[in-house]
Protein backbone atom coordinates (compact mmCIF):
# COMPACT_ATOMS: atom_id res chain seq x y z
CA MET A 1 118.33 96.19 90.60
CA ARG A 2 119.83 94.21 87.71
CA VAL A 3 122.13 92.34 90.13
CA LEU A 4 119.29 91.69 92.59
CA LYS A 5 117.02 90.33 89.84
CA GLY A 6 119.83 88.17 88.44
CA GLU A 7 120.81 86.74 91.82
CA SER A 8 117.21 86.14 92.87
CA SER A 9 116.39 84.44 89.55
CA GLU A 10 119.32 82.09 90.06
CA TRP A 11 118.14 81.39 93.64
CA VAL A 12 114.56 80.63 92.52
CA ARG A 13 115.80 78.23 89.85
CA ARG A 14 118.25 76.48 92.20
CA GLU A 15 116.38 76.46 95.51
CA LEU A 16 112.76 76.25 94.35
CA GLY A 17 113.38 74.16 91.25
CA VAL A 18 111.53 76.50 88.88
CA ALA A 19 113.69 76.00 85.80
CA ASP A 20 111.96 78.51 83.51
CA PHE A 21 111.57 81.35 86.04
CA GLU A 22 111.97 84.87 84.64
CA TRP A 23 111.17 88.30 86.05
CA GLN A 24 108.58 90.35 84.25
CA GLN A 25 109.34 93.86 83.01
CA GLY A 26 109.62 96.14 86.02
CA TYR A 27 109.55 94.82 89.57
CA GLY A 28 107.95 94.74 92.98
CA ALA A 29 109.38 93.10 96.05
CA PHE A 30 107.64 91.53 99.02
CA THR A 31 108.97 89.34 101.79
CA VAL A 32 107.63 85.90 102.60
CA SER A 33 107.14 84.80 106.18
CA PRO A 34 109.20 81.69 107.02
CA SER A 35 105.93 79.95 107.94
CA GLN A 36 104.68 80.46 104.35
CA ILE A 37 107.86 79.61 102.40
CA GLU A 38 106.59 76.12 101.51
CA LYS A 39 103.75 77.70 99.51
CA VAL A 40 106.01 79.79 97.26
CA PRO A 41 107.03 77.09 94.72
CA HIS A 42 103.39 76.07 94.22
CA TYR A 43 102.37 79.70 93.69
CA VAL A 44 105.13 80.30 91.13
CA GLU A 45 104.44 77.05 89.26
CA HIS A 46 100.69 77.75 89.04
CA GLN A 47 100.87 81.50 88.49
CA ALA A 48 99.43 81.40 84.94
CA GLU A 49 96.38 79.46 86.14
CA HIS A 50 96.03 81.73 89.18
CA HIS A 51 96.00 84.86 87.01
CA ARG A 52 93.11 83.54 84.94
CA HIS A 53 90.96 84.25 88.01
CA LYS A 54 92.70 87.33 89.41
CA THR A 55 94.80 89.67 87.31
CA PHE A 56 98.32 90.57 88.27
CA GLN A 57 97.16 94.16 88.79
CA GLU A 58 94.37 93.08 91.14
CA GLU A 59 96.71 90.87 93.13
CA TYR A 60 99.45 93.49 93.32
CA VAL A 61 97.08 96.15 94.68
CA GLU A 62 95.70 93.58 97.14
CA LEU A 63 99.24 92.87 98.39
CA LEU A 64 99.97 96.57 98.75
CA LYS A 65 96.81 97.02 100.79
CA LEU A 66 97.54 93.97 102.97
CA ALA A 67 101.03 95.33 103.63
CA GLY A 68 99.60 98.74 104.54
CA ALA A 69 101.82 100.31 101.86
CA ASP A 70 101.12 103.81 100.65
CA TYR A 71 100.79 103.94 96.85
CA ASP A 72 99.32 106.03 94.10
CA GLU A 73 97.76 103.82 91.43
CA ARG A 74 98.65 106.43 88.77
CA TYR A 75 102.26 105.33 89.14
CA LEU A 76 101.79 101.56 89.29
CA TRP A 77 101.16 100.84 85.63
């Protein structure tokens, strides 16, 4: 996981131009449809503002539900 996080951080900085990108403690991984890739830099750059309206926890559970992923909330946090 350390290698994946390191490589992906480098990719985000280089390809998306997000110079101060860092992973939070822990991780979750989701794919992005090629048709939505243009929206990713905007989302990352405005994440702090976005999370003033919807917490990370709320958004994460929403993504799990949208993906149809099985999860037990006792083990998420």
